[in-house]
């Protein structure tokens, strides 16, 4: 890339950020979550068609990425590098980071089932902690490290690859936290083990999961997660 290409790229990039509506969208996405075009359009007070145009411009400049979950499309910052640049710009501008409030009931947001694996705040924290401990690695299809396999096996969690076409482990976008929780066969095995040990209990009338006292102690002892 020559100097002219760099200058043109920088001009296009800064022009994408300089628009007030797009800048507000980027600020909203700084919380690390993913949002639909409808949610972002409401948050920045523009029409859905206008929001889609702005989002397309941000995608074109590789500032945001689109994540498909079922029939929905969610938008998030494209990378940690983008977040760091925006954080620096926001600090220079003296901007307080805005927050999009969730309308999900508290019990469901904290812990619930997502088909056959865990979702909600607890599941997102657990997903992130597995990466922090270097037990999991990868982007789309996760792999267990030897350390992770040994640690989870000691907790009675089945770490064998699925024999079917099902993915072994992957990120599943959480619809309340808007961050990834652990899906795939490993996510299902994790929930099964948590239930067997009495760390979580299902509720009869909803998808909510109750994190028991034993579960809180176990999360702290085995994963370093405190509630």
Protein backbone atom coordinates (compact mmCIF):
# COMPACT_ATOMS: atom_id res chain seq x y z
CA UNK A 1 0.00 0.00 0.00
CA UNK A 2 1.56 3.32 -1.09
CA UNK A 3 1.19 6.71 0.59
CA UNK A 4 -1.76 7.71 -1.59
CA UNK A 5 -3.64 4.52 -0.75
CA UNK A 6 -3.05 5.09 2.96
CA UNK A 7 -4.27 8.68 2.72
CA UNK A 8 -7.41 7.64 0.82
CA UNK A 9 -8.10 4.85 3.31
CA UNK A 10 -7.62 7.17 6.27
CA UNK A 11 -9.89 9.79 4.71
CA UNK A 12 -12.67 7.24 4.13
CA UNK A 13 -12.26 5.83 7.63
CA UNK A 14 -12.38 9.16 9.42
CA UNK A 15 -15.31 10.30 7.27
CA UNK A 16 -17.27 7.24 8.39
CA UNK A 17 -16.64 8.07 12.05
CA UNK A 18 -17.20 11.81 11.62
CA UNK A 19 -20.93 11.52 10.88
CA UNK A 20 -22.92 12.28 14.05
CA UNK A 21 -25.35 9.35 13.72
CA UNK A 22 -22.62 6.83 12.95
CA UNK A 23 -20.51 8.17 15.81
CA UNK A 24 -23.44 7.64 18.21
CA UNK A 25 -23.85 4.07 16.96
CA UNK A 26 -20.17 3.35 17.53
CA UNK A 27 -20.36 4.82 21.03
CA UNK A 28 -23.30 2.56 21.84
CA UNK A 29 -21.39 -0.49 20.60
CA UNK A 30 -18.51 0.32 22.94
CA UNK A 31 -20.22 -1.72 25.68
CA UNK A 32 -19.03 -4.84 23.81
CA UNK A 33 -22.53 -6.06 23.06
CA UNK A 34 -24.24 -6.67 19.72
CA UNK A 35 -27.49 -4.96 18.74
CA UNK A 36 -30.01 -5.21 15.92
CA UNK A 37 -30.45 -2.44 13.37
CA UNK A 38 -33.88 -1.75 14.88
CA UNK A 39 -32.44 -1.26 18.36
CA UNK A 40 -29.68 0.99 17.09
CA UNK A 41 -32.08 3.04 14.98
CA UNK A 42 -34.29 3.62 18.04
CA UNK A 43 -31.29 4.46 20.22
CA UNK A 44 -29.98 7.11 17.82
CA UNK A 45 -33.47 8.26 16.79
CA UNK A 46 -33.36 7.66 13.04
CA UNK A 47 -35.54 5.65 10.66
CA UNK A 48 -34.74 1.99 10.17
CA UNK A 49 -33.80 2.55 6.52
CA UNK A 50 -31.44 5.35 7.51
CA UNK A 51 -29.87 3.18 10.19
CA UNK A 52 -29.29 0.39 7.67
CA UNK A 53 -27.48 2.80 5.37
CA UNK A 54 -25.23 3.99 8.19
CA UNK A 55 -24.49 0.44 9.31
CA UNK A 56 -23.55 -0.53 5.75
CA UNK A 57 -21.09 2.38 5.67
CA UNK A 58 -19.52 1.31 8.96
CA UNK A 59 -19.24 -2.28 7.72
CA UNK A 60 -17.64 -1.10 4.50
CA UNK A 61 -14.92 0.59 6.56
CA UNK A 62 -14.52 -2.55 8.70
CA UNK A 63 -15.48 -0.70 11.87
CA UNK A 64 -18.35 -3.06 12.70
CA UNK A 65 -19.25 -6.67 11.95
CA UNK A 66 -22.60 -8.36 11.41
CA UNK A 67 -23.40 -11.51 13.40
CA UNK A 68 -26.27 -13.71 12.19
CA UNK A 69 -28.22 -15.54 14.89
CA UNK A 70 -31.21 -17.45 13.53
CA UNK A 71 -33.28 -14.99 11.53
CA UNK A 72 -31.79 -11.97 13.26
CA UNK A 73 -28.76 -9.86 12.40
CA UNK A 74 -26.77 -8.23 15.18
CA UNK A 75 -24.06 -5.62 14.84
CA UNK A 76 -20.95 -5.28 17.01
CA UNK A 77 -17.56 -3.60 16.82
CA UNK A 78 -15.31 -5.41 14.36
CA UNK A 79 -12.36 -5.87 16.69
CA UNK A 80 -10.60 -4.90 19.89
CA UNK A 81 -8.41 -2.58 17.83
CA UNK A 82 -11.48 -0.59 16.76
CA UNK A 83 -12.65 -0.37 20.37
CA UNK A 84 -9.25 0.94 21.49
CA UNK A 85 -9.23 3.66 18.84
CA UNK A 86 -12.77 4.72 19.72
CA UNK A 87 -11.97 4.72 23.43
CA UNK A 88 -9.05 7.06 22.79
CA UNK A 89 -11.22 9.38 20.69
CA UNK A 90 -13.98 9.35 23.30
CA UNK A 91 -11.49 10.23 26.02
CA UNK A 92 -10.18 13.15 23.97
CA UNK A 93 -13.74 14.34 23.38
CA UNK A 94 -14.71 13.89 27.03
CA UNK A 95 -17.65 11.64 26.11
CA UNK A 96 -19.38 9.41 28.67
CA UNK A 97 -20.13 5.97 27.30
CA UNK A 98 -23.91 5.57 26.67
CA UNK A 99 -25.77 2.40 27.62
CA UNK A 100 -28.65 0.59 25.90
CA UNK A 101 -30.86 -0.84 28.63
CA UNK A 102 -32.12 -4.41 28.35
CA UNK A 103 -35.82 -5.18 28.73
CA UNK A 104 -35.18 -8.86 29.52
CA UNK A 105 -36.65 -9.98 32.91
CA UNK A 106 -33.97 -10.12 35.59
CA UNK A 107 -34.37 -13.85 36.29
CA UNK A 108 -33.93 -14.77 32.62
CA UNK A 109 -31.08 -12.37 32.10
CA UNK A 110 -29.10 -13.82 35.01
CA UNK A 111 -29.28 -17.50 34.02
CA UNK A 112 -31.48 -19.55 31.70
CA UNK A 113 -31.39 -22.35 29.17
CA UNK A 114 -30.75 -21.77 25.48
CA UNK A 115 -31.99 -25.04 23.95
CA UNK A 116 -29.67 -27.49 25.76
CA UNK A 117 -26.96 -25.17 27.09
CA UNK A 118 -26.70 -22.26 29.52
CA UNK A 119 -27.31 -18.63 28.64
CA UNK A 120 -27.50 -15.32 30.44
CA UNK A 121 -25.04 -13.38 32.57
CA UNK A 122 -23.64 -16.48 34.28
CA UNK A 123 -23.03 -18.27 30.98
CA UNK A 124 -21.34 -15.26 29.37
CA UNK A 125 -19.00 -14.85 32.35
CA UNK A 126 -18.21 -18.56 32.24
CA UNK A 127 -17.53 -18.44 28.49
CA UNK A 128 -15.11 -15.53 28.94
CA UNK A 129 -13.42 -17.14 31.92
CA UNK A 130 -12.70 -20.33 29.96
CA UNK A 131 -10.74 -18.22 27.49
CA UNK A 132 -8.98 -16.23 30.22
CA UNK A 133 -7.84 -19.51 31.77
CA UNK A 134 -6.64 -20.66 28.31
CA UNK A 135 -8.88 -23.71 28.57
CA UNK A 136 -10.59 -22.70 25.31
CA UNK A 137 -9.18 -21.07 22.20
CA UNK A 138 -10.32 -20.30 18.68
CA UNK A 139 -12.66 -17.89 16.93
CA UNK A 140 -15.62 -19.64 15.30
CA UNK A 141 -15.01 -23.27 16.23
CA UNK A 142 -13.49 -23.50 19.69
CA UNK A 143 -10.88 -26.04 20.75
CA UNK A 144 -10.05 -27.25 24.24
CA UNK A 145 -6.45 -27.00 25.37
CA UNK A 146 -4.94 -30.01 27.15
CA UNK A 147 -5.19 -28.06 30.39
CA UNK A 148 -8.84 -27.28 29.74
CA UNK A 149 -9.67 -30.87 28.88
CA UNK A 150 -8.05 -32.14 32.07
CA UNK A 151 -9.72 -29.49 34.25
CA UNK A 152 -13.22 -30.04 32.84
CA UNK A 153 -12.84 -33.82 32.89
CA UNK A 154 -12.08 -33.63 36.62
CA UNK A 155 -15.44 -31.87 37.05
CA UNK A 156 -17.20 -34.74 35.26
CA UNK A 157 -17.78 -32.78 32.07
CA UNK A 158 -17.77 -34.84 28.87
CA UNK A 159 -15.08 -33.34 26.65
CA UNK A 160 -15.29 -35.90 23.85
CA UNK A 161 -15.95 -34.47 20.37
CA UNK A 162 -19.53 -34.98 19.20
CA UNK A 163 -19.96 -38.05 17.02
CA UNK A 164 -22.69 -36.35 14.99
CA UNK A 165 -22.46 -33.32 12.73
CA UNK A 166 -22.98 -31.02 15.69
CA UNK A 167 -20.19 -28.54 16.40
CA UNK A 168 -18.09 -29.42 19.41
CA UNK A 169 -17.86 -25.92 20.89
CA UNK A 170 -18.73 -22.48 19.56
CA UNK A 171 -19.90 -19.05 20.58
CA UNK A 172 -23.67 -18.54 20.68
CA UNK A 173 -24.78 -14.91 20.79
CA UNK A 174 -26.73 -14.30 23.98
CA UNK A 175 -29.94 -12.36 23.26
CA UNK A 176 -29.98 -10.54 26.60
CA UNK A 177 -26.26 -9.99 27.21
CA UNK A 178 -25.49 -9.60 23.50
CA UNK A 179 -22.15 -11.33 24.03
CA UNK A 180 -21.23 -14.94 23.37
CA UNK A 181 -22.00 -17.81 25.70
CA UNK A 182 -20.77 -21.38 25.12
CA UNK A 183 -22.81 -23.43 22.66
CA UNK A 184 -22.34 -26.73 20.87
CA UNK A 185 -21.84 -30.17 22.38
CA UNK A 186 -19.48 -28.84 25.06
CA UNK A 187 -22.00 -26.23 26.16
CA UNK A 188 -24.62 -28.94 26.54
CA UNK A 189 -22.20 -31.13 28.51
CA UNK A 190 -21.42 -28.20 30.80
CA UNK A 191 -25.09 -27.65 31.62
CA UNK A 192 -25.64 -31.38 32.17
CA UNK A 193 -22.74 -31.50 34.63
CA UNK A 194 -23.92 -28.37 36.45
CA UNK A 195 -27.38 -29.88 36.86
CA UNK A 196 -26.04 -33.26 37.98
CA UNK A 197 -23.93 -31.62 40.68
CA UNK A 198 -26.81 -29.43 41.81
CA UNK A 199 -25.06 -26.21 40.85
CA UNK A 200 -28.05 -25.01 38.83
CA UNK A 201 -31.71 -25.97 38.99
CA UNK A 202 -34.34 -25.60 36.30
CA UNK A 203 -37.55 -23.70 36.99
CA UNK A 204 -40.76 -25.54 36.15
CA UNK A 205 -42.58 -22.57 34.63
CA UNK A 206 -39.81 -20.88 32.61
CA UNK A 207 -36.39 -21.25 31.04
CA UNK A 208 -34.79 -19.54 34.04
CA UNK A 209 -32.06 -21.39 35.90
CA UNK A 210 -31.46 -20.94 39.60
CA UNK A 211 -27.81 -20.75 40.61
CA UNK A 212 -27.68 -22.60 43.93
CA UNK A 213 -25.44 -21.81 46.91
CA UNK A 214 -23.34 -24.84 45.96
CA UNK A 215 -23.15 -23.49 42.40
CA UNK A 216 -21.87 -20.11 43.58
CA UNK A 217 -19.16 -21.81 45.62
CA UNK A 218 -18.22 -24.05 42.69
CA UNK A 219 -17.96 -21.16 40.23
CA UNK A 220 -15.65 -19.37 42.61
CA UNK A 221 -13.55 -22.44 43.46
CA UNK A 222 -13.17 -23.89 39.95
CA UNK A 223 -13.49 -20.88 37.66
CA UNK A 224 -12.74 -17.81 39.81
CA UNK A 225 -16.20 -16.31 39.23
CA UNK A 226 -17.84 -14.65 42.23
CA UNK A 227 -21.48 -13.69 42.82
